Amino acid sequence: MSKITLLHNPRCSKSRQALQLIQENNLQVDVVEYLKAPLSPAQLAELQKKLGLQDVRDMMRSKEDIYKELGLNDSAMTNEQLHAAIAEHPILLERPIAILGNQARIGRPPELVLELI
């Protein structure tokens, strides 16, 4: 089996739980601390496809202060603008996200990451 990539924030309990579930299932994991190594807008567009989401906002943390400050709930904003906002402010990306091949899952609840196996 291929290695699962986990977009991880070690300060987040859900992210830590998802990592633990992956490890308990003896799966290989590549942990990416996305706050330290933000994804590019192109990578975020690809991630959105892998998640199967029409609306970028479904992979965003809308309760973050920066979300409101930037007015990201404005329906006139394009996907490209939203991807750029996440790339510039990675705290906006929902977490954790597990990626395997052409599929990805947001780990809320953390058990959803196991749908990839």
N, C-alpha and C. Protein backbone atom coordinates (compact mmCIF):
# COMPACT_ATOMS: atom_id res chain seq x y z
N MET A 1 0.85 -1.18 0.00
CA MET A 1 0.00 0.00 0.00
C MET A 1 0.89 1.24 0.00
N SER A 2 0.41 2.26 -0.65
CA SER A 2 1.14 3.52 -0.70
C SER A 2 1.10 4.23 0.64
N LYS A 3 1.92 5.24 0.74
CA LYS A 3 2.03 6.02 1.96
C LYS A 3 0.93 7.08 1.99
N ILE A 4 0.29 7.22 3.12
CA ILE A 4 -0.71 8.27 3.33
C ILE A 4 0.02 9.55 3.70
N THR A 5 -0.38 10.64 3.07
CA THR A 5 0.13 11.96 3.45
C THR A 5 -0.89 12.58 4.38
N LEU A 6 -0.43 13.04 5.52
CA LEU A 6 -1.33 13.68 6.48
C LEU A 6 -0.94 15.14 6.64
N LEU A 7 -1.85 16.03 6.25
CA LEU A 7 -1.66 17.46 6.50
C LEU A 7 -2.03 17.66 7.96
N HIS A 8 -1.04 17.98 8.75
CA HIS A 8 -1.12 17.83 10.20
C HIS A 8 -0.76 19.13 10.93
N ASN A 9 -1.49 19.39 12.00
CA ASN A 9 -1.15 20.45 12.94
C ASN A 9 -1.01 19.77 14.30
N PRO A 10 0.21 19.63 14.82
CA PRO A 10 0.40 18.90 16.07
C PRO A 10 -0.30 19.53 17.28
N ARG A 11 -0.72 20.78 17.16
CA ARG A 11 -1.43 21.42 18.27
C ARG A 11 -2.92 21.10 18.28
N CYS A 12 -3.40 20.44 17.23
CA CYS A 12 -4.83 20.13 17.09
C CYS A 12 -5.10 18.70 17.56
N SER A 13 -6.03 18.55 18.48
CA SER A 13 -6.33 17.22 19.02
C SER A 13 -6.88 16.28 17.94
N LYS A 14 -7.71 16.78 17.05
CA LYS A 14 -8.26 15.94 15.97
C LYS A 14 -7.15 15.47 15.04
N SER A 15 -6.20 16.33 14.78
CA SER A 15 -5.08 15.98 13.92
C SER A 15 -4.21 14.92 14.60
N ARG A 16 -3.96 15.08 15.88
CA ARG A 16 -3.18 14.08 16.62
C ARG A 16 -3.91 12.74 16.65
N GLN A 17 -5.24 12.78 16.81
CA GLN A 17 -6.02 11.54 16.83
C GLN A 17 -5.98 10.84 15.47
N ALA A 18 -6.05 11.61 14.39
CA ALA A 18 -5.98 11.02 13.05
C ALA A 18 -4.63 10.36 12.83
N LEU A 19 -3.55 11.02 13.23
CA LEU A 19 -2.21 10.45 13.10
C LEU A 19 -2.11 9.16 13.90
N GLN A 20 -2.65 9.16 15.10
CA GLN A 20 -2.60 7.96 15.93
C GLN A 20 -3.36 6.81 15.28
N LEU A 21 -4.52 7.09 14.70
CA LEU A 21 -5.31 6.05 14.02
C LEU A 21 -4.53 5.45 12.85
N ILE A 22 -3.89 6.29 12.08
CA ILE A 22 -3.09 5.82 10.95
C ILE A 22 -1.96 4.92 11.45
N GLN A 23 -1.28 5.36 12.50
CA GLN A 23 -0.17 4.58 13.05
C GLN A 23 -0.65 3.27 13.67
N GLU A 24 -1.80 3.30 14.35
CA GLU A 24 -2.34 2.08 14.97
C GLU A 24 -2.72 1.04 13.92
N ASN A 25 -3.03 1.49 12.71
CA ASN A 25 -3.38 0.58 11.62
C ASN A 25 -2.15 0.19 10.80
N ASN A 26 -0.97 0.48 11.35
CA ASN A 26 0.31 0.10 10.74
C ASN A 26 0.45 0.58 9.30
N LEU A 27 -0.05 1.79 9.05
CA LEU A 27 0.05 2.38 7.71
C LEU A 27 1.25 3.32 7.68
N GLN A 28 1.88 3.37 6.52
CA GLN A 28 2.98 4.31 6.35
C GLN A 28 2.38 5.70 6.20
N VAL A 29 3.01 6.66 6.86
CA VAL A 29 2.48 8.03 6.82
C VAL A 29 3.61 9.03 6.62
N ASP A 30 3.32 9.99 5.79
CA ASP A 30 4.22 11.13 5.57
C ASP A 30 3.51 12.33 6.19
N VAL A 31 4.02 12.83 7.29
CA VAL A 31 3.39 13.92 8.02
C VAL A 31 3.90 15.25 7.46
N VAL A 32 2.96 16.10 7.05
CA VAL A 32 3.29 17.42 6.54
C VAL A 32 2.68 18.45 7.48
N GLU A 33 3.54 19.18 8.15
CA GLU A 33 3.04 20.26 9.01
C GLU A 33 2.78 21.46 8.11
N TYR A 34 1.55 21.56 7.64
CA TYR A 34 1.20 22.54 6.61
C TYR A 34 1.31 23.99 7.08
N LEU A 35 1.35 24.23 8.38
CA LEU A 35 1.55 25.60 8.85
C LEU A 35 3.00 26.04 8.64
N LYS A 36 3.92 25.06 8.66
CA LYS A 36 5.33 25.35 8.43
C LYS A 36 5.68 25.28 6.94
N ALA A 37 4.95 24.46 6.21
CA ALA A 37 5.19 24.26 4.78
C ALA A 37 3.86 24.39 4.04
N PRO A 38 3.38 25.63 3.87
CA PRO A 38 2.06 25.84 3.26
C PRO A 38 1.99 25.31 1.83
N LEU A 39 0.79 24.89 1.45
CA LEU A 39 0.55 24.43 0.10
C LEU A 39 0.40 25.63 -0.83
N SER A 40 0.77 25.45 -2.06
CA SER A 40 0.62 26.51 -3.07
C SER A 40 -0.84 26.54 -3.53
N PRO A 41 -1.26 27.62 -4.18
CA PRO A 41 -2.62 27.64 -4.73
C PRO A 41 -2.89 26.47 -5.66
N ALA A 42 -1.91 26.08 -6.48
CA ALA A 42 -2.10 24.94 -7.39
C ALA A 42 -2.27 23.64 -6.61
N GLN A 43 -1.49 23.46 -5.55
CA GLN A 43 -1.62 22.26 -4.72
C GLN A 43 -2.98 22.24 -4.02
N LEU A 44 -3.46 23.40 -3.61
CA LEU A 44 -4.77 23.48 -2.95
C LEU A 44 -5.90 23.16 -3.93
N ALA A 45 -5.76 23.60 -5.17
CA ALA A 45 -6.76 23.27 -6.20
C ALA A 45 -6.80 21.76 -6.43
N GLU A 46 -5.63 21.14 -6.47
CA GLU A 46 -5.55 19.69 -6.63
C GLU A 46 -6.14 18.98 -5.41
N LEU A 47 -5.86 19.49 -4.23
CA LEU A 47 -6.42 18.91 -3.00
C LEU A 47 -7.94 19.01 -3.01
N GLN A 48 -8.46 20.11 -3.45
CA GLN A 48 -9.92 20.28 -3.54
C GLN A 48 -10.52 19.20 -4.43
N LYS A 49 -9.87 18.91 -5.55
CA LYS A 49 -10.35 17.85 -6.45
C LYS A 49 -10.32 16.50 -5.75
N LYS A 50 -9.22 16.22 -5.07
CA LYS A 50 -9.09 14.93 -4.38
C LYS A 50 -10.13 14.76 -3.28
N LEU A 51 -10.51 15.88 -2.67
CA LEU A 51 -11.55 15.85 -1.64
C LEU A 51 -12.95 15.74 -2.25
N GLY A 52 -13.06 16.02 -3.55
CA GLY A 52 -14.36 15.96 -4.22
C GLY A 52 -15.27 17.11 -3.83
N LEU A 53 -14.69 18.26 -3.54
CA LEU A 53 -15.48 19.41 -3.08
C LEU A 53 -15.72 20.41 -4.20
N GLN A 54 -16.95 20.85 -4.33
CA GLN A 54 -17.27 21.91 -5.28
C GLN A 54 -16.88 23.27 -4.72
N ASP A 55 -17.13 23.46 -3.42
CA ASP A 55 -16.91 24.75 -2.78
C ASP A 55 -15.62 24.70 -1.95
N VAL A 56 -14.68 25.55 -2.27
CA VAL A 56 -13.41 25.61 -1.54
C VAL A 56 -13.67 25.83 -0.05
N ARG A 57 -14.71 26.56 0.26
CA ARG A 57 -14.98 26.89 1.66
C ARG A 57 -15.22 25.65 2.52
N ASP A 58 -15.56 24.52 1.87
CA ASP A 58 -15.77 23.28 2.62
C ASP A 58 -14.46 22.70 3.15
N MET A 59 -13.33 23.23 2.70
CA MET A 59 -12.04 22.79 3.24
C MET A 59 -11.35 23.92 4.00
N MET A 60 -12.16 24.91 4.40
CA MET A 60 -11.64 26.07 5.11
C MET A 60 -12.21 26.15 6.52
N ARG A 61 -11.43 26.74 7.39
CA ARG A 61 -11.85 26.96 8.78
C ARG A 61 -12.51 28.35 8.86
N SER A 62 -13.80 28.36 8.69
CA SER A 62 -14.54 29.62 8.61
C SER A 62 -14.65 30.35 9.94
N LYS A 63 -14.29 29.70 11.03
CA LYS A 63 -14.38 30.36 12.34
C LYS A 63 -13.09 31.09 12.72
N GLU A 64 -12.06 30.95 11.88
CA GLU A 64 -10.82 31.67 12.16
C GLU A 64 -11.04 33.17 11.96
N ASP A 65 -10.44 33.98 12.81
CA ASP A 65 -10.59 35.44 12.70
C ASP A 65 -10.19 35.96 11.32
N ILE A 66 -9.11 35.41 10.76
CA ILE A 66 -8.62 35.89 9.47
C ILE A 66 -9.65 35.65 8.36
N TYR A 67 -10.46 34.61 8.49
CA TYR A 67 -11.52 34.32 7.52
C TYR A 67 -12.49 35.51 7.45
N LYS A 68 -12.88 35.96 8.62
CA LYS A 68 -13.81 37.10 8.69
C LYS A 68 -13.13 38.39 8.26
N GLU A 69 -11.89 38.58 8.72
CA GLU A 69 -11.15 39.81 8.40
C GLU A 69 -10.96 39.98 6.90
N LEU A 70 -10.74 38.89 6.19
CA LEU A 70 -10.52 38.95 4.75
C LEU A 70 -11.81 38.91 3.95
N GLY A 71 -12.94 38.76 4.63
CA GLY A 71 -14.23 38.71 3.94
C GLY A 71 -14.37 37.52 3.01
N LEU A 72 -13.86 36.37 3.44
CA LEU A 72 -13.84 35.19 2.58
C LEU A 72 -15.21 34.54 2.40
N ASN A 73 -16.20 35.02 3.12
CA ASN A 73 -17.55 34.50 2.92
C ASN A 73 -18.27 35.20 1.76
N ASP A 74 -17.61 36.15 1.13
CA ASP A 74 -18.17 36.88 -0.02
C ASP A 74 -18.33 35.91 -1.19
N SER A 75 -19.55 35.70 -1.63
CA SER A 75 -19.82 34.73 -2.70
C SER A 75 -19.22 35.14 -4.04
N ALA A 76 -18.78 36.38 -4.17
CA ALA A 76 -18.15 36.84 -5.41
C ALA A 76 -16.71 36.37 -5.54
N MET A 77 -16.14 35.86 -4.44
CA MET A 77 -14.74 35.41 -4.49
C MET A 77 -14.64 34.14 -5.32
N THR A 78 -13.62 34.09 -6.15
CA THR A 78 -13.40 32.92 -6.99
C THR A 78 -12.62 31.84 -6.23
N ASN A 79 -12.63 30.63 -6.78
CA ASN A 79 -11.83 29.55 -6.19
C ASN A 79 -10.37 29.96 -6.14
N GLU A 80 -9.90 30.60 -7.19
CA GLU A 80 -8.50 31.01 -7.24
C GLU A 80 -8.17 31.98 -6.12
N GLN A 81 -9.07 32.91 -5.85
CA GLN A 81 -8.85 33.86 -4.76
C GLN A 81 -8.84 33.15 -3.40
N LEU A 82 -9.72 32.18 -3.24
CA LEU A 82 -9.78 31.45 -1.98
C LEU A 82 -8.54 30.56 -1.80
N HIS A 83 -8.10 29.92 -2.88
CA HIS A 83 -6.87 29.12 -2.81
C HIS A 83 -5.69 30.01 -2.42
N ALA A 84 -5.63 31.19 -3.01
CA ALA A 84 -4.54 32.13 -2.70
C ALA A 84 -4.59 32.55 -1.23
N ALA A 85 -5.79 32.75 -0.71
CA ALA A 85 -5.93 33.14 0.70
C ALA A 85 -5.44 32.04 1.62
N ILE A 86 -5.77 30.77 1.30
CA ILE A 86 -5.31 29.65 2.13
C ILE A 86 -3.79 29.53 2.04
N ALA A 87 -3.24 29.70 0.83
CA ALA A 87 -1.79 29.60 0.66
C ALA A 87 -1.08 30.66 1.49
N GLU A 88 -1.65 31.85 1.54
CA GLU A 88 -1.03 32.94 2.29
C GLU A 88 -1.26 32.81 3.80
N HIS A 89 -2.40 32.24 4.16
CA HIS A 89 -2.78 32.08 5.58
C HIS A 89 -3.17 30.62 5.80
N PRO A 90 -2.19 29.71 5.92
CA PRO A 90 -2.50 28.28 5.99
C PRO A 90 -3.36 27.88 7.18
N ILE A 91 -3.49 28.73 8.18
CA ILE A 91 -4.37 28.43 9.31
C ILE A 91 -5.81 28.26 8.83
N LEU A 92 -6.11 28.77 7.65
CA LEU A 92 -7.46 28.66 7.08
C LEU A 92 -7.80 27.25 6.61
N LEU A 93 -6.80 26.41 6.39
CA LEU A 93 -7.04 25.06 5.88
C LEU A 93 -7.57 24.18 7.00
N GLU A 94 -8.67 23.51 6.71
CA GLU A 94 -9.24 22.56 7.67
C GLU A 94 -8.21 21.48 7.95
N ARG A 95 -8.28 20.89 9.11
CA ARG A 95 -7.33 19.86 9.49
C ARG A 95 -8.01 18.78 10.31
N PRO A 96 -7.45 17.63 10.32
CA PRO A 96 -6.38 17.12 9.47
C PRO A 96 -6.95 16.70 8.11
N ILE A 97 -6.09 16.56 7.14
CA ILE A 97 -6.49 16.04 5.83
C ILE A 97 -5.52 14.92 5.47
N ALA A 98 -6.09 13.75 5.18
CA ALA A 98 -5.30 12.60 4.76
C ALA A 98 -5.46 12.44 3.25
N ILE A 99 -4.35 12.15 2.59
CA ILE A 99 -4.34 12.02 1.13
C ILE A 99 -3.70 10.68 0.78
N LEU A 100 -4.35 9.96 -0.11
CA LEU A 100 -3.81 8.71 -0.63
C LEU A 100 -4.19 8.62 -2.10
N GLY A 101 -3.19 8.69 -2.95
CA GLY A 101 -3.44 8.64 -4.39
C GLY A 101 -4.28 9.81 -4.84
N ASN A 102 -5.39 9.52 -5.50
CA ASN A 102 -6.28 10.55 -6.02
C ASN A 102 -7.44 10.87 -5.09
N GLN A 103 -7.35 10.41 -3.85
CA GLN A 103 -8.43 10.66 -2.89
C GLN A 103 -7.88 11.34 -1.65
N ALA A 104 -8.76 12.06 -0.99
CA ALA A 104 -8.41 12.71 0.27
C ALA A 104 -9.64 12.77 1.16
N ARG A 105 -9.41 12.84 2.45
CA ARG A 105 -10.50 12.96 3.42
C ARG A 105 -10.09 13.96 4.49
N ILE A 106 -11.06 14.78 4.88
CA ILE A 106 -10.89 15.66 6.04
C ILE A 106 -11.22 14.82 7.26
N GLY A 107 -10.32 14.79 8.22
CA GLY A 107 -10.48 13.95 9.40
C GLY A 107 -11.32 14.57 10.49
N ARG A 108 -12.55 14.89 10.16
CA ARG A 108 -13.50 15.41 11.15
C ARG A 108 -14.79 14.60 11.02
N PRO A 109 -14.97 13.59 11.82
CA PRO A 109 -14.13 13.11 12.90
C PRO A 109 -12.88 12.39 12.36
N PRO A 110 -11.89 12.19 13.21
CA PRO A 110 -10.62 11.61 12.76
C PRO A 110 -10.76 10.26 12.06
N GLU A 111 -11.76 9.48 12.41
CA GLU A 111 -11.96 8.14 11.82
C GLU A 111 -12.17 8.21 10.31
N LEU A 112 -12.58 9.35 9.80
CA LEU A 112 -12.80 9.47 8.35
C LEU A 112 -11.53 9.25 7.54
N VAL A 113 -10.36 9.46 8.13
CA VAL A 113 -9.12 9.23 7.39
C VAL A 113 -8.97 7.76 7.02
N LEU A 114 -9.58 6.87 7.79
CA LEU A 114 -9.46 5.44 7.52
C LEU A 114 -10.29 5.00 6.32
N GLU A 115 -11.16 5.87 5.80
CA GLU A 115 -11.92 5.55 4.59
C GLU A 115 -10.99 5.40 3.39
N LEU A 116 -9.78 5.89 3.48
CA LEU A 116 -8.84 5.81 2.38
C LEU A 116 -8.22 4.42 2.22
N ILE A 117 -8.34 3.59 3.25
CA ILE A 117 -7.70 2.27 3.17
C ILE A 117 -8.71 1.17 2.87
